[in-house]
Amino acid sequence: MKLKVDRQADALYLALGEAPVNRSEEVSPGVIVDYDDQDRVVGIELLYLSKRAPETDIQRLLFESVPEVA
């Protein structure tokens, strides 16, 4: 899994794997989901990042894993 922030494009991209993108769908304004040739989600792009999270310092991203519930 890779997270990429593109300041010039004002976008964030979350790649969920290495599979090539077969098609893309804008599921909400500025939210694009990429699919592989088997219709599995392989990436999610958020456009207009500075408008979506104006107070966020993108240099300081926090990743948190949620523990499994037994």
C-alpha atoms as a PDB file:
ATOM      1  CA  MET A   1       0.000   0.000   0.000  1.00  0.00           C
ATOM      2  CA  LYS A   2       1.354   3.429  -0.961  1.00  0.00           C
ATOM      3  CA  LEU A   3       0.173   6.920  -0.184  1.00  0.00           C
ATOM      4  CA  LYS A   4       1.237   9.748  -2.477  1.00  0.00           C
ATOM      5  CA  VAL A   5       0.541  13.451  -2.042  1.00  0.00           C
ATOM      6  CA  ASP A   6       0.881  15.582  -5.168  1.00  0.00           C
ATOM      7  CA  ARG A   7       1.029  19.240  -4.148  1.00  0.00           C
ATOM      8  CA  GLN A   8       0.861  20.534  -7.730  1.00  0.00           C
ATOM      9  CA  ALA A   9      -2.275  18.539  -8.472  1.00  0.00           C
ATOM     10  CA  ASP A  10      -3.600  19.193  -4.930  1.00  0.00           C
ATOM     11  CA  ALA A  11      -4.375  15.499  -4.678  1.00  0.00           C
ATOM     12  CA  LEU A  12      -3.800  12.447  -2.520  1.00  0.00           C
ATOM     13  CA  TYR A  13      -3.582   8.954  -4.026  1.00  0.00           C
ATOM     14  CA  LEU A  14      -3.823   5.696  -2.092  1.00  0.00           C
ATOM     15  CA  ALA A  15      -2.546   2.732  -4.112  1.00  0.00           C
ATOM     16  CA  LEU A  16      -3.819  -0.544  -2.686  1.00  0.00           C
ATOM     17  CA  GLY A  17      -1.601  -2.790  -4.769  1.00  0.00           C
ATOM     18  CA  GLU A  18       0.515  -3.098  -7.876  1.00  0.00           C
ATOM     19  CA  ALA A  19      -2.189  -4.165 -10.338  1.00  0.00           C
ATOM     20  CA  PRO A  20      -2.586  -1.910 -13.381  1.00  0.00           C
ATOM     21  CA  VAL A  21      -5.641   0.334 -13.548  1.00  0.00           C
ATOM     22  CA  ASN A  22      -8.210  -0.826 -16.090  1.00  0.00           C
ATOM     23  CA  ARG A  23     -10.855   1.828 -15.486  1.00  0.00           C
ATOM     24  CA  SER A  24     -11.640   4.729 -13.179  1.00  0.00           C
ATOM     25  CA  GLU A  25     -14.907   6.036 -11.782  1.00  0.00           C
ATOM     26  CA  GLU A  26     -15.632   9.334 -10.069  1.00  0.00           C
ATOM     27  CA  VAL A  27     -17.847   8.121  -7.227  1.00  0.00           C
ATOM     28  CA  SER A  28     -18.297  11.558  -5.680  1.00  0.00           C
ATOM     29  CA  PRO A  29     -17.086  14.998  -6.778  1.00  0.00           C
ATOM     30  CA  GLY A  30     -13.284  14.827  -6.632  1.00  0.00           C
ATOM     31  CA  VAL A  31     -13.174  11.211  -5.415  1.00  0.00           C
ATOM     32  CA  ILE A  32     -11.941   8.780  -8.057  1.00  0.00           C
ATOM     33  CA  VAL A  33     -11.768   5.020  -7.588  1.00  0.00           C
ATOM     34  CA  ASP A  34      -9.482   2.963  -9.840  1.00  0.00           C
ATOM     35  CA  TYR A  35     -10.302  -0.662 -10.693  1.00  0.00           C
ATOM     36  CA  ASP A  36      -8.255  -3.488 -12.173  1.00  0.00           C
ATOM     37  CA  ASP A  37      -9.460  -5.786 -14.974  1.00  0.00           C
ATOM     38  CA  GLN A  38     -11.351  -7.932 -12.437  1.00  0.00           C
ATOM     39  CA  ASP A  39     -13.188  -4.888 -11.005  1.00  0.00           C
ATOM     40  CA  ARG A  40     -11.198  -4.902  -7.761  1.00  0.00           C
ATOM     41  CA  VAL A  41     -10.373  -1.519  -6.247  1.00  0.00           C
ATOM     42  CA  VAL A  42      -6.663  -0.804  -6.727  1.00  0.00           C
ATOM     43  CA  GLY A  43      -6.526   2.893  -5.888  1.00  0.00           C
ATOM     44  CA  ILE A  44      -8.405   5.884  -4.536  1.00  0.00           C
ATOM     45  CA  GLU A  45      -7.674   9.498  -5.453  1.00  0.00           C
ATOM     46  CA  LEU A  46      -8.886  12.565  -3.566  1.00  0.00           C
ATOM     47  CA  LEU A  47      -8.745  15.804  -5.530  1.00  0.00           C
ATOM     48  CA  TYR A  48      -8.869  19.317  -4.022  1.00  0.00           C
ATOM     49  CA  LEU A  49      -7.016  18.096  -0.935  1.00  0.00           C
ATOM     50  CA  SER A  50      -6.337  21.600   0.416  1.00  0.00           C
ATOM     51  CA  LYS A  51     -10.082  22.367   0.337  1.00  0.00           C
ATOM     52  CA  ARG A  52     -11.066  19.045   1.924  1.00  0.00           C
ATOM     53  CA  ALA A  53      -8.621  19.350   4.801  1.00  0.00           C
ATOM     54  CA  PRO A  54      -7.454  22.969   4.966  1.00  0.00           C
ATOM     55  CA  GLU A  55      -5.996  22.667   8.478  1.00  0.00           C
ATOM     56  CA  THR A  56      -4.069  19.465   7.780  1.00  0.00           C
ATOM     57  CA  ASP A  57      -0.281  19.495   7.671  1.00  0.00           C
ATOM     58  CA  ILE A  58       0.356  16.911   4.950  1.00  0.00           C
ATOM     59  CA  GLN A  59       3.951  16.612   6.132  1.00  0.00           C
ATOM     60  CA  ARG A  60       2.615  14.962   9.276  1.00  0.00           C
ATOM     61  CA  LEU A  61       0.353  12.075   8.324  1.00  0.00           C
ATOM     62  CA  LEU A  62      -0.596   9.628  11.070  1.00  0.00           C
ATOM     63  CA  PHE A  63      -1.303   6.001  10.273  1.00  0.00           C
ATOM     64  CA  GLU A  64      -3.227   3.976  12.780  1.00  0.00           C
ATOM     65  CA  SER A  65      -3.990   0.265  12.783  1.00  0.00           C
ATOM     66  CA  VAL A  66      -7.193  -0.787  14.480  1.00  0.00           C
ATOM     67  CA  PRO A  67      -6.767  -3.922  16.604  1.00  0.00           C
ATOM     68  CA  GLU A  68      -8.757  -6.990  15.634  1.00  0.00           C
ATOM     69  CA  VAL A  69     -11.773  -7.810  17.749  1.00  0.00           C
ATOM     70  CA  ALA A  70     -11.788 -11.421  18.907  1.00  0.00           C
END
